[in-house]
Structure formats: C-alpha cells, structure tokens
Amino acid sequence: MAHKTTAYLSVREAAAHLSVSEVTVRRAIRAGQLPYVRIGRLVRISASDLETFAAVRRTTRGV
C-alpha cells in the first residue's frame, strides 16, 4: 500500500502563499473557515486545504 504524503505549511508560509497577513490566516482558522493541524504548540495547514480555501473564495467579478 502506497503512503500519501501531505505537505503542511506554517501560518507564515500560508499567509505568504495567499499574499495576506498572518493575522488574516489566523482569523480564518479561528472562524472555522480554514482547517488546521496542531502539533504541540505549532499550527500547520495542509497545502490542499489552503488551495481549497482559496478556490472557494476566488471570484471573477471586479473588485
């Protein structure tokens, strides 16, 4: 059986990926909009969950 490896990002890396602040990522986590994994004191976000989070919020309308 093959094992799937999942890439995990720190809050800082996730914020950089989305071009937003770390505070914005933490707010999304606190609001339950962005799933996360806690490993001890560390918070990690799976790359696939981050992509889903961004895709759901993607818009084609003007700003």
C-alpha atoms as a PDB file:
ATOM      1  CA  MET A   1       0.000   0.000   0.000  1.00  0.00           C
ATOM      2  CA  ALA A   2       1.446   3.361  -1.013  1.00  0.00           C
ATOM      3  CA  HIS A   3       1.531   6.126   1.565  1.00  0.00           C
ATOM      4  CA  LYS A   4       0.372   9.573   0.623  1.00  0.00           C
ATOM      5  CA  THR A   5       2.433  12.416   1.967  1.00  0.00           C
ATOM      6  CA  THR A   6       0.722  15.683   2.619  1.00  0.00           C
ATOM      7  CA  ALA A   7       2.604  18.964   2.531  1.00  0.00           C
ATOM      8  CA  TYR A   8       1.934  21.178   5.528  1.00  0.00           C
ATOM      9  CA  LEU A   9       2.588  24.903   5.758  1.00  0.00           C
ATOM     10  CA  SER A  10       3.133  27.146   8.734  1.00  0.00           C
ATOM     11  CA  VAL A  11       0.834  30.123   9.265  1.00  0.00           C
ATOM     12  CA  ARG A  12       3.610  32.359   7.908  1.00  0.00           C
ATOM     13  CA  GLU A  13       4.039  30.227   4.774  1.00  0.00           C
ATOM     14  CA  ALA A  14       0.276  30.046   4.203  1.00  0.00           C
ATOM     15  CA  ALA A  15      -0.001  33.828   4.535  1.00  0.00           C
ATOM     16  CA  ALA A  16       2.833  34.341   2.051  1.00  0.00           C
ATOM     17  CA  HIS A  17       1.213  31.886  -0.375  1.00  0.00           C
ATOM     18  CA  LEU A  18      -2.060  33.857  -0.262  1.00  0.00           C
ATOM     19  CA  SER A  19      -0.352  37.281  -0.100  1.00  0.00           C
ATOM     20  CA  VAL A  20      -2.162  38.152   3.120  1.00  0.00           C
ATOM     21  CA  SER A  21      -1.052  38.775   6.695  1.00  0.00           C
ATOM     22  CA  GLU A  22      -0.571  36.069   9.298  1.00  0.00           C
ATOM     23  CA  VAL A  23      -3.411  37.705  11.249  1.00  0.00           C
ATOM     24  CA  THR A  24      -5.771  37.079   8.317  1.00  0.00           C
ATOM     25  CA  VAL A  25      -4.830  33.394   8.224  1.00  0.00           C
ATOM     26  CA  ARG A  26      -5.282  33.078  11.999  1.00  0.00           C
ATOM     27  CA  ARG A  27      -8.709  34.754  11.749  1.00  0.00           C
ATOM     28  CA  ALA A  28      -9.779  32.253   9.083  1.00  0.00           C
ATOM     29  CA  ILE A  29      -8.615  29.411  11.333  1.00  0.00           C
ATOM     30  CA  ARG A  30     -10.424  30.853  14.362  1.00  0.00           C
ATOM     31  CA  ALA A  31     -13.616  31.329  12.296  1.00  0.00           C
ATOM     32  CA  GLY A  32     -13.506  27.657  11.246  1.00  0.00           C
ATOM     33  CA  GLN A  33     -13.021  28.579   7.584  1.00  0.00           C
ATOM     34  CA  LEU A  34      -9.544  27.066   7.275  1.00  0.00           C
ATOM     35  CA  PRO A  35      -8.812  23.593   8.685  1.00  0.00           C
ATOM     36  CA  TYR A  36      -5.546  23.146  10.559  1.00  0.00           C
ATOM     37  CA  VAL A  37      -3.493  20.618  12.483  1.00  0.00           C
ATOM     38  CA  ARG A  38      -1.943  21.397  15.841  1.00  0.00           C
ATOM     39  CA  ILE A  39       1.302  19.609  16.622  1.00  0.00           C
ATOM     40  CA  GLY A  40       2.213  20.595  20.148  1.00  0.00           C
ATOM     41  CA  ARG A  41       2.248  24.391  20.015  1.00  0.00           C
ATOM     42  CA  LEU A  42       2.697  24.501  16.240  1.00  0.00           C
ATOM     43  CA  VAL A  43      -0.160  25.182  13.830  1.00  0.00           C
ATOM     44  CA  ARG A  44       0.093  23.655  10.363  1.00  0.00           C
ATOM     45  CA  ILE A  45      -2.213  23.934   7.359  1.00  0.00           C
ATOM     46  CA  SER A  46      -2.283  21.306   4.646  1.00  0.00           C
ATOM     47  CA  ALA A  47      -1.458  22.628   1.198  1.00  0.00           C
ATOM     48  CA  SER A  48      -4.586  21.012  -0.248  1.00  0.00           C
ATOM     49  CA  ASP A  49      -6.827  22.665   2.388  1.00  0.00           C
ATOM     50  CA  LEU A  50      -5.203  26.018   1.637  1.00  0.00           C
ATOM     51  CA  GLU A  51      -5.850  25.586  -2.103  1.00  0.00           C
ATOM     52  CA  THR A  52      -9.485  24.665  -1.407  1.00  0.00           C
ATOM     53  CA  PHE A  53      -9.847  27.679   0.882  1.00  0.00           C
ATOM     54  CA  ALA A  54      -8.515  29.970  -1.854  1.00  0.00           C
ATOM     55  CA  ALA A  55     -10.580  28.348  -4.619  1.00  0.00           C
ATOM     56  CA  VAL A  56     -13.846  28.771  -2.712  1.00  0.00           C
ATOM     57  CA  ARG A  57     -13.112  32.479  -2.329  1.00  0.00           C
ATOM     58  CA  ARG A  58     -11.970  33.033  -5.903  1.00  0.00           C
ATOM     59  CA  THR A  59     -14.200  35.425  -7.792  1.00  0.00           C
ATOM     60  CA  THR A  60     -14.491  36.537 -11.394  1.00  0.00           C
ATOM     61  CA  ARG A  61     -16.283  39.776 -10.552  1.00  0.00           C
ATOM     62  CA  GLY A  62     -14.496  43.102 -10.370  1.00  0.00           C
ATOM     63  CA  VAL A  63     -13.001  44.300  -7.125  1.00  0.00           C
END
